[in-house]
PDB file of N, CA and C in Angstrom:
ATOM      1  N   MET A   1      79.207  99.204  88.635  1.00  0.00           N
ATOM      2  CA  MET A   1      79.614 100.166  87.576  1.00  0.00           C
ATOM      3  C   MET A   1      80.359 101.219  88.702  1.00  0.00           C
ATOM      4  N   LEU A   2      81.374 101.802  87.767  1.00  0.00           N
ATOM      5  CA  LEU A   2      82.382 102.944  88.563  1.00  0.00           C
ATOM      6  C   LEU A   2      81.499 104.334  87.958  1.00  0.00           C
ATOM      7  N   ARG A   3      81.733 105.133  89.058  1.00  0.00           N
ATOM      8  CA  ARG A   3      80.772 106.361  88.800  1.00  0.00           C
ATOM      9  C   ARG A   3      82.013 106.895  87.811  1.00  0.00           C
ATOM     10  N   PRO A   4      81.798 107.956  87.086  1.00  0.00           N
ATOM     11  CA  PRO A   4      82.643 109.160  86.335  1.00  0.00           C
ATOM     12  C   PRO A   4      83.413 109.545  86.879  1.00  0.00           C
ATOM     13  N   THR A   5      83.038 109.955  88.384  1.00  0.00           N
ATOM     14  CA  THR A   5      84.266 110.793  89.119  1.00  0.00           C
ATOM     15  C   THR A   5      85.397 109.530  89.316  1.00  0.00           C
ATOM     16  N   ARG A   6      85.126 108.362  89.747  1.00  0.00           N
ATOM     17  CA  ARG A   6      85.771 107.402  90.355  1.00  0.00           C
ATOM     18  C   ARG A   6      86.851 106.992  89.045  1.00  0.00           C
ATOM     19  N   LEU A   7      86.292 106.851  87.808  1.00  0.00           N
ATOM     20  CA  LEU A   7      86.998 106.497  86.387  1.00  0.00           C
ATOM     21  C   LEU A   7      87.955 107.798  86.273  1.00  0.00           C
ATOM     22  N   THR A   8      87.634 108.977  86.476  1.00  0.00           N
ATOM     23  CA  THR A   8      88.460 110.192  86.451  1.00  0.00           C
ATOM     24  C   THR A   8      89.532 109.991  87.258  1.00  0.00           C
ATOM     25  N   LEU A   9      89.465 109.529  88.395  1.00  0.00           N
ATOM     26  CA  LEU A   9      90.356 109.540  89.324  1.00  0.00           C
ATOM     27  C   LEU A   9      91.400 108.430  88.904  1.00  0.00           C
ATOM     28  N   ILE A  10      90.914 107.506  88.227  1.00  0.00           N
ATOM     29  CA  ILE A  10      91.737 106.380  88.411  1.00  0.00           C
ATOM     30  C   ILE A  10      92.783 106.711  87.020  1.00  0.00           C
ATOM     31  N   PHE A  11      91.966 107.041  86.382  1.00  0.00           N
ATOM     32  CA  PHE A  11      92.679 107.572  85.241  1.00  0.00           C
ATOM     33  C   PHE A  11      93.910 108.596  85.252  1.00  0.00           C
ATOM     34  N   THR A  12      93.499 109.598  86.169  1.00  0.00           N
ATOM     35  CA  THR A  12      94.596 110.766  86.761  1.00  0.00           C
ATOM     36  C   THR A  12      95.586 109.951  87.279  1.00  0.00           C
ATOM     37  N   LEU A  13      95.392 108.845  88.063  1.00  0.00           N
ATOM     38  CA  LEU A  13      96.172 108.246  89.087  1.00  0.00           C
ATOM     39  C   LEU A  13      97.255 107.441  88.045  1.00  0.00           C
ATOM     40  N   LEU A  14      96.429 106.654  87.107  1.00  0.00           N
ATOM     41  CA  LEU A  14      97.394 105.829  85.839  1.00  0.00           C
ATOM     42  C   LEU A  14      98.212 106.730  85.281  1.00  0.00           C
ATOM     43  N   LEU A  15      97.863 107.825  84.744  1.00  0.00           N
ATOM     44  CA  LEU A  15      98.731 108.875  84.098  1.00  0.00           C
ATOM     45  C   LEU A  15      99.475 109.599  84.526  1.00  0.00           C
ATOM     46  N   SER A  16      99.469 109.811  85.905  1.00  0.00           N
ATOM     47  CA  SER A  16     100.604 110.396  86.894  1.00  0.00           C
ATOM     48  C   SER A  16     101.769 109.158  87.090  1.00  0.00           C
ATOM     49  N   VAL A  17     101.517 108.012  87.103  1.00  0.00           N
ATOM     50  CA  VAL A  17     102.382 107.170  87.387  1.00  0.00           C
ATOM     51  C   VAL A  17     103.044 106.981  86.074  1.00  0.00           C
ATOM     52  N   ALA A  18     102.504 106.698  84.949  1.00  0.00           N
ATOM     53  CA  ALA A  18     103.285 106.876  83.644  1.00  0.00           C
ATOM     54  C   ALA A  18     103.951 108.081  83.325  1.00  0.00           C
ATOM     55  N   VAL A  19     103.651 109.133  83.433  1.00  0.00           N
ATOM     56  CA  VAL A  19     104.562 110.467  83.471  1.00  0.00           C
ATOM     57  C   VAL A  19     105.592 110.349  84.466  1.00  0.00           C
ATOM     58  N   ARG A  20     105.472 109.994  85.413  1.00  0.00           N
ATOM     59  CA  ARG A  20     106.621 109.905  86.530  1.00  0.00           C
ATOM     60  C   ARG A  20     107.784 108.967  86.116  1.00  0.00           C
ATOM     61  N   ALA A  21     107.247 107.684  86.075  1.00  0.00           N
ATOM     62  CA  ALA A  21     108.222 106.706  85.245  1.00  0.00           C
ATOM     63  C   ALA A  21     108.637 107.184  84.024  1.00  0.00           C
ATOM     64  N   GLN A  22     108.250 108.024  82.914  1.00  0.00           N
ATOM     65  CA  GLN A  22     108.776 108.435  81.924  1.00  0.00           C
ATOM     66  C   GLN A  22     110.094 109.567  82.345  1.00  0.00           C
ATOM     67  N   GLN A  23     109.579 110.488  83.480  1.00  0.00           N
ATOM     68  CA  GLN A  23     110.566 111.424  83.941  1.00  0.00           C
ATOM     69  C   GLN A  23     111.729 110.620  84.761  1.00  0.00           C
ATOM     70  N   GLY A  24     111.431 109.707  85.467  1.00  0.00           N
ATOM     71  CA  GLY A  24     112.388 108.720  85.881  1.00  0.00           C
ATOM     72  C   GLY A  24     113.378 108.123  84.893  1.00  0.00           C
ATOM     73  N   GLN A  25     112.878 107.836  83.645  1.00  0.00           N
ATOM     74  CA  GLN A  25     113.796 107.130  82.338  1.00  0.00           C
ATOM     75  C   GLN A  25     114.668 108.169  82.022  1.00  0.00           C
ATOM     76  N   GLU A  26     114.208 109.428  81.954  1.00  0.00           N
ATOM     77  CA  GLU A  26     114.976 110.706  81.543  1.00  0.00           C
ATOM     78  C   GLU A  26     116.083 111.013  82.188  1.00  0.00           C
ATOM     79  N   LEU A  27     115.630 110.896  83.837  1.00  0.00           N
ATOM     80  CA  LEU A  27     116.584 111.507  84.789  1.00  0.00           C
ATOM     81  C   LEU A  27     117.680 110.286  84.729  1.00  0.00           C
ATOM     82  N   TYR A  28     117.295 109.148  84.803  1.00  0.00           N
ATOM     83  CA  TYR A  28     118.272 107.964  84.570  1.00  0.00           C
ATOM     84  C   TYR A  28     119.266 108.094  83.343  1.00  0.00           C
ATOM     85  N   GLN A  29     119.077 108.365  82.359  1.00  0.00           N
ATOM     86  CA  GLN A  29     119.706 108.553  81.064  1.00  0.00           C
ATOM     87  C   GLN A  29     120.761 109.898  81.210  1.00  0.00           C
ATOM     88  N   VAL A  30     120.014 110.832  81.628  1.00  0.00           N
ATOM     89  CA  VAL A  30     120.843 112.206  81.893  1.00  0.00           C
ATOM     90  C   VAL A  30     121.810 112.133  82.857  1.00  0.00           C
ATOM     91  N   PHE A  31     121.506 111.438  83.664  1.00  0.00           N
ATOM     92  CA  PHE A  31     122.706 111.499  85.318  1.00  0.00           C
ATOM     93  C   PHE A  31     123.224 110.471  85.687  1.00  0.00           C
ATOM     94  N   CYS A  32     122.670 109.236  85.057  1.00  0.00           N
ATOM     95  CA  CYS A  32     123.086 107.902  85.533  1.00  0.00           C
ATOM     96  C   CYS A  32     123.508 106.951  84.910  1.00  0.00           C
ATOM     97  N   ALA A  33     123.155 106.939  83.481  1.00  0.00           N
ATOM     98  CA  ALA A  33     123.336 105.692  82.756  1.00  0.00           C
ATOM     99  C   ALA A  33     124.770 105.724  82.281  1.00  0.00           C
ATOM    100  N   SER A  34     125.494 106.812  82.137  1.00  0.00           N
ATOM    101  CA  SER A  34     126.803 106.725  81.830  1.00  0.00           C
ATOM    102  C   SER A  34     127.915 105.921  82.566  1.00  0.00           C
ATOM    103  N   CYS A  35     127.109 105.852  83.926  1.00  0.00           N
ATOM    104  CA  CYS A  35     128.308 104.875  85.044  1.00  0.00           C
ATOM    105  C   CYS A  35     127.355 103.746  85.447  1.00  0.00           C
ATOM    106  N   HIS A  36     126.230 103.653  85.140  1.00  0.00           N
ATOM    107  CA  HIS A  36     125.584 102.473  86.276  1.00  0.00           C
ATOM    108  C   HIS A  36     124.477 101.675  85.256  1.00  0.00           C
ATOM    109  N   MET A  37     125.306 100.635  84.456  1.00  0.00           N
ATOM    110  CA  MET A  37     124.550  99.846  83.639  1.00  0.00           C
ATOM    111  C   MET A  37     123.289  99.029  84.466  1.00  0.00           C
ATOM    112  N   ALA A  38     122.483  98.743  83.628  1.00  0.00           N
ATOM    113  CA  ALA A  38     121.302  98.041  84.561  1.00  0.00           C
ATOM    114  C   ALA A  38     121.678  96.714  85.053  1.00  0.00           C
ATOM    115  N   ASP A  39     122.568  96.023  84.519  1.00  0.00           N
ATOM    116  CA  ASP A  39     122.779  94.508  84.941  1.00  0.00           C
ATOM    117  C   ASP A  39     124.382  94.186  85.265  1.00  0.00           C
ATOM    118  N   ARG A  40     125.098  95.134  84.996  1.00  0.00           N
ATOM    119  CA  ARG A  40     126.316  94.903  85.478  1.00  0.00           C
ATOM    120  C   ARG A  40     127.164  96.343  85.856  1.00  0.00           C
ATOM    121  N   PHE A  41     128.405  96.025  86.636  1.00  0.00           N
ATOM    122  CA  PHE A  41     128.998  97.103  87.149  1.00  0.00           C
ATOM    123  C   PHE A  41     129.822  97.755  86.084  1.00  0.00           C
ATOM    124  N   HIS A  42     129.836  99.067  85.705  1.00  0.00           N
ATOM    125  CA  HIS A  42     130.871  99.731  84.954  1.00  0.00           C
ATOM    126  C   HIS A  42     131.599 100.639  85.615  1.00  0.00           C
ATOM    127  N   VAL A  43     131.288 101.765  86.027  1.00  0.00           N
ATOM    128  CA  VAL A  43     131.785 102.554  86.541  1.00  0.00           C
ATOM    129  C   VAL A  43     131.445 102.724  87.960  1.00  0.00           C
ATOM    130  N   GLY A  44     130.068 102.350  88.194  1.00  0.00           N
ATOM    131  CA  GLY A  44     129.628 102.491  89.340  1.00  0.00           C
ATOM    132  C   GLY A  44     128.595 101.096  89.333  1.00  0.00           C
ATOM    133  N   PRO A  45     127.931 100.739  90.749  1.00  0.00           N
ATOM    134  CA  PRO A  45     127.038  99.472  90.754  1.00  0.00           C
ATOM    135  C   PRO A  45     126.294  99.733  89.568  1.00  0.00           C
ATOM    136  N   SER A  46     125.694  98.553  89.384  1.00  0.00           N
ATOM    137  CA  SER A  46     124.502  98.026  88.487  1.00  0.00           C
ATOM    138  C   SER A  46     123.474  98.753  89.057  1.00  0.00           C
ATOM    139  N   LEU A  47     122.331  98.550  88.334  1.00  0.00           N
ATOM    140  CA  LEU A  47     120.623  99.137  89.035  1.00  0.00           C
ATOM    141  C   LEU A  47     120.366  97.863  89.691  1.00  0.00           C
ATOM    142  N   ILE A  48     120.745  96.762  89.702  1.00  0.00           N
ATOM    143  CA  ILE A  48     120.435  95.494  90.367  1.00  0.00           C
ATOM    144  C   ILE A  48     120.947  95.676  91.815  1.00  0.00           C
ATOM    145  N   GLU A  49     122.278  96.149  91.939  1.00  0.00           N
ATOM    146  CA  GLU A  49     122.706  96.155  93.074  1.00  0.00           C
ATOM    147  C   GLU A  49     122.570  97.404  94.014  1.00  0.00           C
ATOM    148  N   ILE A  50     121.961  98.322  93.159  1.00  0.00           N
ATOM    149  CA  ILE A  50     121.472  99.547  94.023  1.00  0.00           C
ATOM    150  C   ILE A  50     120.099  99.203  94.283  1.00  0.00           C
ATOM    151  N   GLY A  51     119.581  98.354  93.520  1.00  0.00           N
ATOM    152  CA  GLY A  51     117.977  98.073  94.062  1.00  0.00           C
ATOM    153  C   GLY A  51     118.078  97.077  95.166  1.00  0.00           C
ATOM    154  N   LYS A  52     119.288  96.724  95.482  1.00  0.00           N
ATOM    155  CA  LYS A  52     119.260  95.721  96.646  1.00  0.00           C
ATOM    156  C   LYS A  52     119.743  96.398  97.813  1.00  0.00           C
ATOM    157  N   LEU A  53     120.396  97.458  97.638  1.00  0.00           N
ATOM    158  CA  LEU A  53     121.000  98.087  98.533  1.00  0.00           C
ATOM    159  C   LEU A  53     120.008  99.220  99.101  1.00  0.00           C
ATOM    160  N   TYR A  54     119.108  99.885  98.169  1.00  0.00           N
ATOM    161  CA  TYR A  54     118.377 100.738  98.540  1.00  0.00           C
ATOM    162  C   TYR A  54     116.672 100.415  98.437  1.00  0.00           C
ATOM    163  N   GLY A  55     116.578  99.329  97.795  1.00  0.00           N
ATOM    164  CA  GLY A  55     115.093  99.018  97.292  1.00  0.00           C
ATOM    165  C   GLY A  55     114.098  99.159  98.563  1.00  0.00           C
ATOM    166  N   GLU A  56     114.126  99.209  99.827  1.00  0.00           N
ATOM    167  CA  GLU A  56     113.344  99.427 100.934  1.00  0.00           C
ATOM    168  C   GLU A  56     113.523 100.684 101.398  1.00  0.00           C
ATOM    169  N   LYS A  57     114.568 101.279 101.275  1.00  0.00           N
ATOM    170  CA  LYS A  57     114.940 102.498 102.094  1.00  0.00           C
ATOM    171  C   LYS A  57     114.821 103.952 100.772  1.00  0.00           C
ATOM    172  N   PRO A  58     114.094 104.442 100.206  1.00  0.00           N
ATOM    173  CA  PRO A  58     114.046 105.116  99.432  1.00  0.00           C
ATOM    174  C   PRO A  58     114.583 106.536  99.708  1.00  0.00           C
ATOM    175  N   ASP A  59     114.364 106.797 100.900  1.00  0.00           N
ATOM    176  CA  ASP A  59     115.057 108.268 101.425  1.00  0.00           C
ATOM    177  C   ASP A  59     116.657 108.216 101.490  1.00  0.00           C
ATOM    178  N   GLU A  60     116.879 107.241 101.681  1.00  0.00           N
ATOM    179  CA  GLU A  60     118.584 106.812 101.650  1.00  0.00           C
ATOM    180  C   GLU A  60     119.126 107.023 100.300  1.00  0.00           C
ATOM    181  N   PHE A  61     118.274 106.284  99.665  1.00  0.00           N
ATOM    182  CA  PHE A  61     118.835 106.463  98.249  1.00  0.00           C
ATOM    183  C   PHE A  61     118.667 107.749  97.540  1.00  0.00           C
ATOM    184  N   VAL A  62     117.765 108.769  97.716  1.00  0.00           N
ATOM    185  CA  VAL A  62     117.780 110.204  97.441  1.00  0.00           C
ATOM    186  C   VAL A  62     119.149 110.804  98.070  1.00  0.00           C
ATOM    187  N   ALA A  63     119.037 110.608  99.076  1.00  0.00           N
ATOM    188  CA  ALA A  63     120.140 111.245 100.202  1.00  0.00           C
ATOM    189  C   ALA A  63     121.532 111.004  99.465  1.00  0.00           C
ATOM    190  N   TRP A  64     121.906 109.571  99.141  1.00  0.00           N
ATOM    191  CA  TRP A  64     123.005 109.007  98.461  1.00  0.00           C
ATOM    192  C   TRP A  64     123.166 109.759  96.854  1.00  0.00           C
ATOM    193  N   CYS A  65     121.855 109.912  96.300  1.00  0.00           N
ATOM    194  CA  CYS A  65     121.953 110.884  94.919  1.00  0.00           C
ATOM    195  C   CYS A  65     122.542 112.183  94.936  1.00  0.00           C
ATOM    196  N   HIS A  66     122.143 112.733  96.117  1.00  0.00           N
ATOM    197  CA  HIS A  66     122.302 114.148  96.093  1.00  0.00           C
ATOM    198  C   HIS A  66     123.750 114.165  96.885  1.00  0.00           C
ATOM    199  N   ALA A  67     124.564 113.350  97.258  1.00  0.00           N
ATOM    200  CA  ALA A  67     125.935 113.485  97.820  1.00  0.00           C
ATOM    201  C   ALA A  67     126.602 113.991  97.024  1.00  0.00           C
TER     202      ALA A  67
END
């Protein structure tokens, strides 16, 4: 059986991931969604294409976002 401290740690980690996912969705809606559709080119490349380009290079993606 998991000890209470482990359960607390696991719960905190899962909550943190959920909060970051929510924040990511909000950031996308505010800064990206008007030009980048999920599955097709709009004004800029789709999220699928961006994922193909930067999926393994998150630091380069962040640098591109800040450019």
